[in-house]
């Protein structure tokens, strides 16, 4: 009987520490969400910097100064019918909160589900110079490849209050410190 009880307790301990449960992440509006990366690996764990009020934007790695280091890699979920101005405000607010001095915007795709605005962080484990590695966009690939068609979010759409996405979006970004 003691052996069976020990076995049951070991099994419960193993299950409770195996990471099977999803960590509840917090969305931009302060509410909890699960889904699309129900995984504590997508919670922000990067370097902590003081908030910034001015965040520059780049759409090409060549627009980033050689001294800039990537400290956060993220996929950003945005709701359907979001305006270009809302995209800009959402990303710049989060980047400023994290202390970014610049954000490099990657590609965008239609999201499979509309779960509101969410930032899903994937690293890096160590900061790196953007001039050496930016543009590879390898983080979060298993989630990225499950998304829908490509959507162009460039200079014409960014910050444009008249632009509205047809459906929910997923966008790649990296946040940079440049000093």
C-alpha atoms as a PDB file:
ATOM      1  CA  UNK A   1       0.000   0.000   0.000  1.00  0.00           C
ATOM      2  CA  UNK A   2       2.830   2.393   0.863  1.00  0.00           C
ATOM      3  CA  UNK A   3       4.489   1.685  -2.492  1.00  0.00           C
ATOM      4  CA  UNK A   4       1.263   2.468  -4.374  1.00  0.00           C
ATOM      5  CA  UNK A   5       0.817   5.715  -2.437  1.00  0.00           C
ATOM      6  CA  UNK A   6       4.432   6.705  -3.192  1.00  0.00           C
ATOM      7  CA  UNK A   7       3.892   5.932  -6.877  1.00  0.00           C
ATOM      8  CA  UNK A   8       0.693   8.031  -7.017  1.00  0.00           C
ATOM      9  CA  UNK A   9       2.390  10.954  -5.257  1.00  0.00           C
ATOM     10  CA  UNK A  10       5.374  10.798  -7.637  1.00  0.00           C
ATOM     11  CA  UNK A  11       3.056  10.733 -10.639  1.00  0.00           C
ATOM     12  CA  UNK A  12       1.128  13.766  -9.350  1.00  0.00           C
ATOM     13  CA  UNK A  13       4.362  15.623  -8.692  1.00  0.00           C
ATOM     14  CA  UNK A  14       5.648  14.816 -12.171  1.00  0.00           C
ATOM     15  CA  UNK A  15       2.438  15.990 -13.844  1.00  0.00           C
ATOM     16  CA  UNK A  16       2.271  19.200 -11.818  1.00  0.00           C
ATOM     17  CA  UNK A  17       5.854  20.187 -12.725  1.00  0.00           C
ATOM     18  CA  UNK A  18       5.922  19.046 -16.347  1.00  0.00           C
ATOM     19  CA  UNK A  19       4.685  22.321 -17.832  1.00  0.00           C
ATOM     20  CA  UNK A  20       1.437  20.888 -19.119  1.00  0.00           C
ATOM     21  CA  UNK A  21      -0.532  23.844 -17.820  1.00  0.00           C
ATOM     22  CA  UNK A  22      -0.669  27.100 -19.731  1.00  0.00           C
ATOM     23  CA  UNK A  23       0.490  30.273 -18.077  1.00  0.00           C
ATOM     24  CA  UNK A  24      -2.111  32.989 -18.229  1.00  0.00           C
ATOM     25  CA  UNK A  25      -0.657  35.871 -20.190  1.00  0.00           C
ATOM     26  CA  UNK A  26      -1.921  39.419 -20.005  1.00  0.00           C
ATOM     27  CA  UNK A  27      -3.244  41.275 -23.017  1.00  0.00           C
ATOM     28  CA  UNK A  28      -2.868  44.994 -23.666  1.00  0.00           C
ATOM     29  CA  UNK A  29      -6.172  45.766 -22.004  1.00  0.00           C
ATOM     30  CA  UNK A  30      -5.047  44.055 -18.785  1.00  0.00           C
ATOM     31  CA  UNK A  31      -7.304  41.037 -19.265  1.00  0.00           C
ATOM     32  CA  UNK A  32      -5.977  37.513 -19.254  1.00  0.00           C
ATOM     33  CA  UNK A  33      -5.920  35.395 -22.352  1.00  0.00           C
ATOM     34  CA  UNK A  34      -5.100  31.876 -23.333  1.00  0.00           C
ATOM     35  CA  UNK A  35      -4.578  30.527 -26.799  1.00  0.00           C
ATOM     36  CA  UNK A  36      -2.088  31.256 -29.592  1.00  0.00           C
ATOM     37  CA  UNK A  37       1.028  30.333 -27.699  1.00  0.00           C
ATOM     38  CA  UNK A  38      -0.492  29.155 -24.412  1.00  0.00           C
ATOM     39  CA  UNK A  39       3.008  28.937 -23.143  1.00  0.00           C
ATOM     40  CA  UNK A  40       5.097  30.820 -20.644  1.00  0.00           C
ATOM     41  CA  UNK A  41       7.822  30.984 -23.283  1.00  0.00           C
ATOM     42  CA  UNK A  42       5.810  33.760 -24.942  1.00  0.00           C
ATOM     43  CA  UNK A  43       5.754  35.988 -21.838  1.00  0.00           C
ATOM     44  CA  UNK A  44       8.260  38.871 -21.898  1.00  0.00           C
ATOM     45  CA  UNK A  45      11.515  37.853 -20.229  1.00  0.00           C
ATOM     46  CA  UNK A  46      13.955  40.202 -21.941  1.00  0.00           C
ATOM     47  CA  UNK A  47      16.237  42.892 -20.607  1.00  0.00           C
ATOM     48  CA  UNK A  48      14.496  45.567 -18.576  1.00  0.00           C
ATOM     49  CA  UNK A  49      15.000  49.154 -19.652  1.00  0.00           C
ATOM     50  CA  UNK A  50      13.412  52.397 -18.508  1.00  0.00           C
ATOM     51  CA  UNK A  51      10.354  53.357 -20.574  1.00  0.00           C
ATOM     52  CA  UNK A  52      10.951  55.532 -23.631  1.00  0.00           C
ATOM     53  CA  UNK A  53       8.689  58.191 -25.070  1.00  0.00           C
ATOM     54  CA  UNK A  54      10.162  58.290 -28.587  1.00  0.00           C
ATOM     55  CA  UNK A  55      10.359  55.059 -30.588  1.00  0.00           C
ATOM     56  CA  UNK A  56      11.633  55.098 -34.169  1.00  0.00           C
ATOM     57  CA  UNK A  57      10.226  52.686 -36.762  1.00  0.00           C
ATOM     58  CA  UNK A  58      12.054  50.768 -39.471  1.00  0.00           C
ATOM     59  CA  UNK A  59      10.669  48.462 -42.135  1.00  0.00           C
ATOM     60  CA  UNK A  60      14.038  47.176 -43.427  1.00  0.00           C
ATOM     61  CA  UNK A  61      17.084  45.986 -41.445  1.00  0.00           C
ATOM     62  CA  UNK A  62      19.185  48.416 -43.503  1.00  0.00           C
ATOM     63  CA  UNK A  63      17.267  51.286 -41.815  1.00  0.00           C
ATOM     64  CA  UNK A  64      18.582  50.244 -38.383  1.00  0.00           C
ATOM     65  CA  UNK A  65      21.862  51.738 -37.100  1.00  0.00           C
ATOM     66  CA  UNK A  66      24.769  49.315 -36.724  1.00  0.00           C
ATOM     67  CA  UNK A  67      24.869  49.917 -32.947  1.00  0.00           C
ATOM     68  CA  UNK A  68      21.267  48.771 -32.332  1.00  0.00           C
ATOM     69  CA  UNK A  69      20.773  45.566 -30.347  1.00  0.00           C
ATOM     70  CA  UNK A  70      17.673  43.365 -30.430  1.00  0.00           C
ATOM     71  CA  UNK A  71      16.360  42.736 -26.929  1.00  0.00           C
ATOM     72  CA  UNK A  72      12.835  41.506 -27.754  1.00  0.00           C
ATOM     73  CA  UNK A  73      11.400  39.354 -30.563  1.00  0.00           C
ATOM     74  CA  UNK A  74       7.623  39.198 -30.758  1.00  0.00           C
ATOM     75  CA  UNK A  75       4.600  38.274 -32.803  1.00  0.00           C
ATOM     76  CA  UNK A  76       1.833  40.836 -32.393  1.00  0.00           C
ATOM     77  CA  UNK A  77      -1.809  39.824 -32.747  1.00  0.00           C
ATOM     78  CA  UNK A  78      -4.166  42.600 -33.807  1.00  0.00           C
ATOM     79  CA  UNK A  79      -7.976  42.442 -34.003  1.00  0.00           C
ATOM     80  CA  UNK A  80     -10.074  42.591 -37.167  1.00  0.00           C
ATOM     81  CA  UNK A  81     -10.864  45.999 -38.627  1.00  0.00           C
ATOM     82  CA  UNK A  82      -7.876  47.582 -36.853  1.00  0.00           C
ATOM     83  CA  UNK A  83      -6.775  50.892 -38.359  1.00  0.00           C
ATOM     84  CA  UNK A  84      -3.224  51.752 -39.334  1.00  0.00           C
ATOM     85  CA  UNK A  85      -3.249  54.360 -36.561  1.00  0.00           C
ATOM     86  CA  UNK A  86      -4.297  51.710 -34.021  1.00  0.00           C
ATOM     87  CA  UNK A  87      -1.496  49.410 -35.235  1.00  0.00           C
ATOM     88  CA  UNK A  88       1.015  52.226 -34.766  1.00  0.00           C
ATOM     89  CA  UNK A  89      -0.320  53.223 -31.334  1.00  0.00           C
ATOM     90  CA  UNK A  90      -0.463  49.634 -30.055  1.00  0.00           C
ATOM     91  CA  UNK A  91       3.067  48.726 -31.099  1.00  0.00           C
ATOM     92  CA  UNK A  92       4.664  52.022 -30.075  1.00  0.00           C
ATOM     93  CA  UNK A  93       2.968  51.929 -26.648  1.00  0.00           C
ATOM     94  CA  UNK A  94       4.247  48.422 -25.907  1.00  0.00           C
ATOM     95  CA  UNK A  95       7.709  49.182 -27.292  1.00  0.00           C
ATOM     96  CA  UNK A  96       7.938  52.362 -25.214  1.00  0.00           C
ATOM     97  CA  UNK A  97       6.812  50.497 -22.107  1.00  0.00           C
ATOM     98  CA  UNK A  98       9.620  47.968 -22.659  1.00  0.00           C
ATOM     99  CA  UNK A  99      12.232  50.686 -23.263  1.00  0.00           C
ATOM    100  CA  UNK A 100      12.691  50.263 -27.013  1.00  0.00           C
ATOM    101  CA  UNK A 101      14.333  53.068 -28.940  1.00  0.00           C
ATOM    102  CA  UNK A 102      13.443  51.544 -32.305  1.00  0.00           C
ATOM    103  CA  UNK A 103      11.152  48.824 -33.646  1.00  0.00           C
ATOM    104  CA  UNK A 104      11.826  46.840 -36.807  1.00  0.00           C
ATOM    105  CA  UNK A 105       8.556  45.769 -38.424  1.00  0.00           C
ATOM    106  CA  UNK A 106       8.550  42.450 -40.266  1.00  0.00           C
ATOM    107  CA  UNK A 107       5.880  40.748 -42.346  1.00  0.00           C
ATOM    108  CA  UNK A 108       2.168  40.529 -41.546  1.00  0.00           C
ATOM    109  CA  UNK A 109      -0.351  37.771 -42.146  1.00  0.00           C
ATOM    110  CA  UNK A 110      -4.045  37.214 -41.587  1.00  0.00           C
ATOM    111  CA  UNK A 111      -4.536  35.605 -38.185  1.00  0.00           C
ATOM    112  CA  UNK A 112      -6.548  32.437 -37.889  1.00  0.00           C
ATOM    113  CA  UNK A 113      -8.395  33.708 -34.797  1.00  0.00           C
ATOM    114  CA  UNK A 114      -9.363  37.139 -33.498  1.00  0.00           C
ATOM    115  CA  UNK A 115      -8.240  37.282 -29.886  1.00  0.00           C
ATOM    116  CA  UNK A 116      -7.653  41.022 -29.641  1.00  0.00           C
ATOM    117  CA  UNK A 117      -4.293  42.750 -29.279  1.00  0.00           C
ATOM    118  CA  UNK A 118      -1.571  40.535 -27.813  1.00  0.00           C
ATOM    119  CA  UNK A 119       2.225  40.501 -27.763  1.00  0.00           C
ATOM    120  CA  UNK A 120       3.809  37.053 -27.785  1.00  0.00           C
ATOM    121  CA  UNK A 121       7.506  37.223 -26.882  1.00  0.00           C
ATOM    122  CA  UNK A 122       9.976  34.594 -28.071  1.00  0.00           C
ATOM    123  CA  UNK A 123      13.380  35.881 -26.999  1.00  0.00           C
ATOM    124  CA  UNK A 124      16.170  36.372 -27.602  1.00  0.00           C
ATOM    125  CA  UNK A 125      18.007  34.592 -24.806  1.00  0.00           C
ATOM    126  CA  UNK A 126      20.818  37.129 -25.280  1.00  0.00           C
ATOM    127  CA  UNK A 127      20.773  40.540 -26.995  1.00  0.00           C
ATOM    128  CA  UNK A 128      22.376  40.664 -30.450  1.00  0.00           C
ATOM    129  CA  UNK A 129      23.349  43.323 -32.951  1.00  0.00           C
ATOM    130  CA  UNK A 130      20.639  43.845 -35.501  1.00  0.00           C
ATOM    131  CA  UNK A 131      23.294  44.471 -38.166  1.00  0.00           C
ATOM    132  CA  UNK A 132      24.478  40.872 -37.709  1.00  0.00           C
ATOM    133  CA  UNK A 133      21.191  38.951 -37.500  1.00  0.00           C
ATOM    134  CA  UNK A 134      18.075  41.059 -38.153  1.00  0.00           C
ATOM    135  CA  UNK A 135      15.653  39.959 -40.809  1.00  0.00           C
ATOM    136  CA  UNK A 136      15.854  36.205 -40.221  1.00  0.00           C
ATOM    137  CA  UNK A 137      12.464  36.140 -38.470  1.00  0.00           C
ATOM    138  CA  UNK A 138      12.919  32.594 -37.191  1.00  0.00           C
ATOM    139  CA  UNK A 139      11.248  33.047 -33.800  1.00  0.00           C
ATOM    140  CA  UNK A 140       7.712  31.726 -33.295  1.00  0.00           C
ATOM    141  CA  UNK A 141       7.845  29.971 -36.647  1.00  0.00           C
ATOM    142  CA  UNK A 142       5.548  27.089 -35.687  1.00  0.00           C
ATOM    143  CA  UNK A 143       2.804  29.631 -34.873  1.00  0.00           C
ATOM    144  CA  UNK A 144       3.669  31.906 -37.798  1.00  0.00           C
ATOM    145  CA  UNK A 145       3.358  29.178 -40.412  1.00  0.00           C
ATOM    146  CA  UNK A 146      -0.177  28.333 -39.246  1.00  0.00           C
ATOM    147  CA  UNK A 147      -1.497  31.789 -40.136  1.00  0.00           C
ATOM    148  CA  UNK A 148      -3.325  32.862 -43.290  1.00  0.00           C
ATOM    149  CA  UNK A 149      -2.499  34.973 -46.329  1.00  0.00           C
ATOM    150  CA  UNK A 150       0.112  37.714 -46.410  1.00  0.00           C
ATOM    151  CA  UNK A 151      -1.037  41.258 -45.615  1.00  0.00           C
ATOM    152  CA  UNK A 152       0.966  44.326 -46.568  1.00  0.00           C
ATOM    153  CA  UNK A 153       1.534  46.708 -43.664  1.00  0.00           C
ATOM    154  CA  UNK A 154       4.038  49.267 -44.909  1.00  0.00           C
ATOM    155  CA  UNK A 155       4.457  53.013 -45.109  1.00  0.00           C
ATOM    156  CA  UNK A 156       1.024  53.528 -46.707  1.00  0.00           C
ATOM    157  CA  UNK A 157      -0.807  51.601 -43.982  1.00  0.00           C
ATOM    158  CA  UNK A 158       1.315  52.431 -40.890  1.00  0.00           C
ATOM    159  CA  UNK A 159      -0.291  55.240 -38.902  1.00  0.00           C
ATOM    160  CA  UNK A 160      -3.056  55.701 -41.498  1.00  0.00           C
ATOM    161  CA  UNK A 161      -6.383  56.175 -39.699  1.00  0.00           C
ATOM    162  CA  UNK A 162      -8.181  55.489 -43.006  1.00  0.00           C
ATOM    163  CA  UNK A 163      -6.664  52.023 -43.419  1.00  0.00           C
ATOM    164  CA  UNK A 164      -8.650  49.114 -41.917  1.00  0.00           C
ATOM    165  CA  UNK A 165      -7.562  45.498 -41.936  1.00  0.00           C
ATOM    166  CA  UNK A 166     -10.091  43.075 -43.354  1.00  0.00           C
ATOM    167  CA  UNK A 167      -9.531  40.532 -40.617  1.00  0.00           C
ATOM    168  CA  UNK A 168      -7.317  39.923 -37.595  1.00  0.00           C
ATOM    169  CA  UNK A 169      -3.553  40.207 -38.159  1.00  0.00           C
ATOM    170  CA  UNK A 170      -0.310  38.716 -36.903  1.00  0.00           C
ATOM    171  CA  UNK A 171       2.799  40.863 -37.304  1.00  0.00           C
ATOM    172  CA  UNK A 172       6.496  40.199 -36.674  1.00  0.00           C
ATOM    173  CA  UNK A 173       8.493  42.806 -34.750  1.00  0.00           C
ATOM    174  CA  UNK A 174      11.808  43.164 -32.962  1.00  0.00           C
ATOM    175  CA  UNK A 175      12.505  45.831 -30.343  1.00  0.00           C
ATOM    176  CA  UNK A 176      15.895  47.517 -30.247  1.00  0.00           C
ATOM    177  CA  UNK A 177      18.144  49.568 -27.974  1.00  0.00           C
ATOM    178  CA  UNK A 178      20.560  51.750 -29.907  1.00  0.00           C
ATOM    179  CA  UNK A 179      22.906  53.343 -27.345  1.00  0.00           C
END
